[in-house]
């Protein structure tokens, strides 16, 4: 998670919300990295999770990320939760919960919906305070400025 936090900090320079994500393969290697880049790219899908999943799929040569773990600093939104399910990621580790837009256990729980063909194990609250502080500080600075 600390590496995902470092990745999240990279988003701040472009004015993006500091969220970082990593995809880790079954051998513990980082095969995908991402941080929010929506402001930088003008791409509404440039969320940390989506970028990390894309990089992992390219590196592994398959869209099926079976055996991988996605680590992310903030609970994924509905778009990212859908991407996690579609990529067949078996395990999600998240830092802070998102009580406004979270879709992996707080507001919604798309990744464990029994109607879908794949369900994801969710481990939440890893370094939760540190991950949440990144978001709170970012928005506090933007409200002041």
C-alpha atoms as a PDB file:
ATOM      1  CA  UNK A   1       0.000   0.000   0.000  1.00  0.00           C
ATOM      2  CA  UNK A   2       2.863   2.381   0.668  1.00  0.00           C
ATOM      3  CA  UNK A   3       3.925   2.075  -2.975  1.00  0.00           C
ATOM      4  CA  UNK A   4       0.344   2.846  -4.039  1.00  0.00           C
ATOM      5  CA  UNK A   5       0.438   5.926  -1.792  1.00  0.00           C
ATOM      6  CA  UNK A   6       3.654   7.045  -3.492  1.00  0.00           C
ATOM      7  CA  UNK A   7       1.920   6.545  -6.837  1.00  0.00           C
ATOM      8  CA  UNK A   8      -1.067   8.611  -5.623  1.00  0.00           C
ATOM      9  CA  UNK A   9       1.201  11.538  -4.809  1.00  0.00           C
ATOM     10  CA  UNK A  10       2.226  11.711  -8.475  1.00  0.00           C
ATOM     11  CA  UNK A  11      -1.309  12.782  -9.399  1.00  0.00           C
ATOM     12  CA  UNK A  12      -1.148  16.036  -7.437  1.00  0.00           C
ATOM     13  CA  UNK A  13       1.284  17.770  -9.820  1.00  0.00           C
ATOM     14  CA  UNK A  14      -1.349  17.700 -12.575  1.00  0.00           C
ATOM     15  CA  UNK A  15      -4.203  18.710 -10.282  1.00  0.00           C
ATOM     16  CA  UNK A  16      -5.661  15.225 -10.181  1.00  0.00           C
ATOM     17  CA  UNK A  17      -7.188  13.651  -7.074  1.00  0.00           C
ATOM     18  CA  UNK A  18      -4.357  11.694  -5.394  1.00  0.00           C
ATOM     19  CA  UNK A  19      -5.353   8.084  -5.899  1.00  0.00           C
ATOM     20  CA  UNK A  20      -2.798   5.401  -6.692  1.00  0.00           C
ATOM     21  CA  UNK A  21      -3.151   1.792  -7.756  1.00  0.00           C
ATOM     22  CA  UNK A  22      -0.937  -1.232  -8.348  1.00  0.00           C
ATOM     23  CA  UNK A  23      -1.530  -4.649  -9.859  1.00  0.00           C
ATOM     24  CA  UNK A  24       0.585  -7.332  -8.234  1.00  0.00           C
ATOM     25  CA  UNK A  25       0.967 -10.754  -9.849  1.00  0.00           C
ATOM     26  CA  UNK A  26       0.886 -14.109  -8.058  1.00  0.00           C
ATOM     27  CA  UNK A  27       4.662 -13.927  -7.497  1.00  0.00           C
ATOM     28  CA  UNK A  28       4.416 -10.547  -5.756  1.00  0.00           C
ATOM     29  CA  UNK A  29       5.771  -8.479  -8.665  1.00  0.00           C
ATOM     30  CA  UNK A  30       4.215  -5.150  -9.575  1.00  0.00           C
ATOM     31  CA  UNK A  31       2.963  -5.586 -13.151  1.00  0.00           C
ATOM     32  CA  UNK A  32       0.828  -2.450 -13.389  1.00  0.00           C
ATOM     33  CA  UNK A  33       0.842   1.032 -11.888  1.00  0.00           C
ATOM     34  CA  UNK A  34      -1.490   3.956 -12.161  1.00  0.00           C
ATOM     35  CA  UNK A  35      -2.464   7.244 -10.619  1.00  0.00           C
ATOM     36  CA  UNK A  36      -5.356   9.479 -11.524  1.00  0.00           C
ATOM     37  CA  UNK A  37      -4.652  11.334 -14.770  1.00  0.00           C
ATOM     38  CA  UNK A  38      -8.074  12.698 -15.751  1.00  0.00           C
ATOM     39  CA  UNK A  39      -7.039  16.352 -15.552  1.00  0.00           C
ATOM     40  CA  UNK A  40      -3.712  15.686 -17.242  1.00  0.00           C
ATOM     41  CA  UNK A  41      -5.186  13.727 -20.168  1.00  0.00           C
ATOM     42  CA  UNK A  42      -8.763  15.010 -20.387  1.00  0.00           C
ATOM     43  CA  UNK A  43      -9.841  11.354 -20.298  1.00  0.00           C
ATOM     44  CA  UNK A  44     -12.751  10.634 -17.941  1.00  0.00           C
ATOM     45  CA  UNK A  45     -11.677   6.979 -17.708  1.00  0.00           C
ATOM     46  CA  UNK A  46      -8.099   7.777 -16.616  1.00  0.00           C
ATOM     47  CA  UNK A  47      -8.640   6.561 -13.067  1.00  0.00           C
ATOM     48  CA  UNK A  48      -5.706   4.990 -11.234  1.00  0.00           C
ATOM     49  CA  UNK A  49      -7.288   1.530 -11.231  1.00  0.00           C
ATOM     50  CA  UNK A  50      -8.080   1.502 -14.954  1.00  0.00           C
ATOM     51  CA  UNK A  51      -4.578   2.665 -15.851  1.00  0.00           C
ATOM     52  CA  UNK A  52      -2.983   0.016 -13.614  1.00  0.00           C
ATOM     53  CA  UNK A  53      -5.214  -2.708 -15.075  1.00  0.00           C
ATOM     54  CA  UNK A  54      -4.353  -1.631 -18.640  1.00  0.00           C
ATOM     55  CA  UNK A  55      -0.621  -1.687 -17.920  1.00  0.00           C
ATOM     56  CA  UNK A  56      -0.852  -5.100 -16.241  1.00  0.00           C
ATOM     57  CA  UNK A  57      -2.825  -6.581 -19.132  1.00  0.00           C
ATOM     58  CA  UNK A  58      -0.300  -5.220 -21.641  1.00  0.00           C
ATOM     59  CA  UNK A  59       2.650  -6.505 -19.637  1.00  0.00           C
ATOM     60  CA  UNK A  60       1.116  -9.950 -19.040  1.00  0.00           C
ATOM     61  CA  UNK A  61      -0.300 -10.237 -22.547  1.00  0.00           C
ATOM     62  CA  UNK A  62      -3.829 -11.043 -21.414  1.00  0.00           C
ATOM     63  CA  UNK A  63      -6.903  -9.220 -20.206  1.00  0.00           C
ATOM     64  CA  UNK A  64      -7.570 -11.992 -17.697  1.00  0.00           C
ATOM     65  CA  UNK A  65      -5.694 -10.884 -14.597  1.00  0.00           C
ATOM     66  CA  UNK A  66      -6.377 -14.100 -12.720  1.00  0.00           C
ATOM     67  CA  UNK A  67      -3.979 -14.567  -9.825  1.00  0.00           C
ATOM     68  CA  UNK A  68      -3.388 -10.818  -9.509  1.00  0.00           C
ATOM     69  CA  UNK A  69      -4.233  -8.414  -6.701  1.00  0.00           C
ATOM     70  CA  UNK A  70      -5.252  -4.804  -7.238  1.00  0.00           C
ATOM     71  CA  UNK A  71      -4.071  -2.454  -4.489  1.00  0.00           C
ATOM     72  CA  UNK A  72      -5.653   1.015  -4.454  1.00  0.00           C
ATOM     73  CA  UNK A  73      -5.585   3.904  -2.006  1.00  0.00           C
ATOM     74  CA  UNK A  74      -9.331   4.704  -2.229  1.00  0.00           C
ATOM     75  CA  UNK A  75     -12.306   2.403  -2.668  1.00  0.00           C
ATOM     76  CA  UNK A  76     -13.061   2.075  -6.384  1.00  0.00           C
ATOM     77  CA  UNK A  77     -16.022   3.773  -8.062  1.00  0.00           C
ATOM     78  CA  UNK A  78     -18.613   1.904 -10.152  1.00  0.00           C
ATOM     79  CA  UNK A  79     -16.577   2.197 -13.367  1.00  0.00           C
ATOM     80  CA  UNK A  80     -13.441   0.823 -11.734  1.00  0.00           C
ATOM     81  CA  UNK A  81     -15.344  -1.889  -9.870  1.00  0.00           C
ATOM     82  CA  UNK A  82     -16.774  -3.034 -13.191  1.00  0.00           C
ATOM     83  CA  UNK A  83     -13.302  -3.083 -14.741  1.00  0.00           C
ATOM     84  CA  UNK A  84     -11.998  -5.164 -11.826  1.00  0.00           C
ATOM     85  CA  UNK A  85     -14.759  -7.739 -12.336  1.00  0.00           C
ATOM     86  CA  UNK A  86     -14.294  -7.815 -16.112  1.00  0.00           C
ATOM     87  CA  UNK A  87     -10.522  -8.277 -15.722  1.00  0.00           C
ATOM     88  CA  UNK A  88     -11.189 -11.275 -13.440  1.00  0.00           C
ATOM     89  CA  UNK A  89      -9.059  -9.832 -10.638  1.00  0.00           C
ATOM     90  CA  UNK A  90      -9.591 -12.157  -7.668  1.00  0.00           C
ATOM     91  CA  UNK A  91      -8.492  -9.822  -4.868  1.00  0.00           C
ATOM     92  CA  UNK A  92      -8.808  -6.118  -4.113  1.00  0.00           C
ATOM     93  CA  UNK A  93      -6.897  -4.413  -1.304  1.00  0.00           C
ATOM     94  CA  UNK A  94      -8.022  -0.871  -0.595  1.00  0.00           C
ATOM     95  CA  UNK A  95      -6.961   1.881   1.749  1.00  0.00           C
ATOM     96  CA  UNK A  96      -9.735   4.346   2.544  1.00  0.00           C
ATOM     97  CA  UNK A  97     -13.425   3.632   2.053  1.00  0.00           C
ATOM     98  CA  UNK A  98     -15.416   6.070  -0.100  1.00  0.00           C
ATOM     99  CA  UNK A  99     -18.785   6.727   1.590  1.00  0.00           C
ATOM    100  CA  UNK A 100     -19.930   8.911  -1.335  1.00  0.00           C
ATOM    101  CA  UNK A 101     -19.130   6.865  -4.436  1.00  0.00           C
ATOM    102  CA  UNK A 102     -17.581   3.575  -3.333  1.00  0.00           C
ATOM    103  CA  UNK A 103     -18.685   0.520  -5.267  1.00  0.00           C
ATOM    104  CA  UNK A 104     -16.823  -2.299  -3.518  1.00  0.00           C
ATOM    105  CA  UNK A 105     -18.624  -2.460  -0.210  1.00  0.00           C
ATOM    106  CA  UNK A 106     -19.685   0.943   1.082  1.00  0.00           C
ATOM    107  CA  UNK A 107     -22.327   2.581  -1.151  1.00  0.00           C
ATOM    108  CA  UNK A 108     -22.512  -0.307  -3.641  1.00  0.00           C
ATOM    109  CA  UNK A 109     -20.886  -3.723  -3.800  1.00  0.00           C
ATOM    110  CA  UNK A 110     -20.517  -4.494  -7.496  1.00  0.00           C
ATOM    111  CA  UNK A 111     -17.484  -6.735  -7.085  1.00  0.00           C
ATOM    112  CA  UNK A 112     -19.414  -9.246  -4.954  1.00  0.00           C
ATOM    113  CA  UNK A 113     -22.758  -9.106  -6.768  1.00  0.00           C
ATOM    114  CA  UNK A 114     -23.926 -12.713  -7.137  1.00  0.00           C
ATOM    115  CA  UNK A 115     -25.567 -11.910 -10.466  1.00  0.00           C
ATOM    116  CA  UNK A 116     -22.161 -11.382 -12.069  1.00  0.00           C
ATOM    117  CA  UNK A 117     -19.905 -14.130 -13.391  1.00  0.00           C
ATOM    118  CA  UNK A 118     -16.960 -13.203 -11.161  1.00  0.00           C
ATOM    119  CA  UNK A 119     -16.657 -12.080  -7.548  1.00  0.00           C
ATOM    120  CA  UNK A 120     -13.737 -10.382  -5.857  1.00  0.00           C
ATOM    121  CA  UNK A 121     -12.343 -10.783  -2.356  1.00  0.00           C
ATOM    122  CA  UNK A 122     -12.158  -7.322  -0.758  1.00  0.00           C
ATOM    123  CA  UNK A 123      -9.692  -6.398   1.974  1.00  0.00           C
ATOM    124  CA  UNK A 124     -10.379  -2.845   3.118  1.00  0.00           C
ATOM    125  CA  UNK A 125      -8.907  -0.343   5.501  1.00  0.00           C
ATOM    126  CA  UNK A 126      -5.213  -0.986   4.824  1.00  0.00           C
ATOM    127  CA  UNK A 127      -3.360   2.161   5.949  1.00  0.00           C
ATOM    128  CA  UNK A 128      -6.805   3.740   5.900  1.00  0.00           C
ATOM    129  CA  UNK A 129      -5.907   6.886   7.835  1.00  0.00           C
ATOM    130  CA  UNK A 130      -2.892   7.682   5.667  1.00  0.00           C
ATOM    131  CA  UNK A 131      -4.820   7.046   2.446  1.00  0.00           C
ATOM    132  CA  UNK A 132      -7.781   9.119   3.620  1.00  0.00           C
ATOM    133  CA  UNK A 133      -5.505  11.970   4.688  1.00  0.00           C
ATOM    134  CA  UNK A 134      -4.190  12.294   1.114  1.00  0.00           C
ATOM    135  CA  UNK A 135      -7.715  12.888  -0.168  1.00  0.00           C
ATOM    136  CA  UNK A 136      -8.768  15.182   2.680  1.00  0.00           C
ATOM    137  CA  UNK A 137      -5.654  17.352   2.322  1.00  0.00           C
ATOM    138  CA  UNK A 138      -6.105  17.588  -1.451  1.00  0.00           C
ATOM    139  CA  UNK A 139      -9.695  18.796  -1.193  1.00  0.00           C
ATOM    140  CA  UNK A 140      -8.926  21.139   1.720  1.00  0.00           C
ATOM    141  CA  UNK A 141      -6.264  22.857  -0.384  1.00  0.00           C
ATOM    142  CA  UNK A 142      -8.598  23.111  -3.389  1.00  0.00           C
ATOM    143  CA  UNK A 143     -11.386  24.630  -1.297  1.00  0.00           C
ATOM    144  CA  UNK A 144      -8.984  27.251   0.080  1.00  0.00           C
ATOM    145  CA  UNK A 145      -7.477  28.108  -3.305  1.00  0.00           C
END
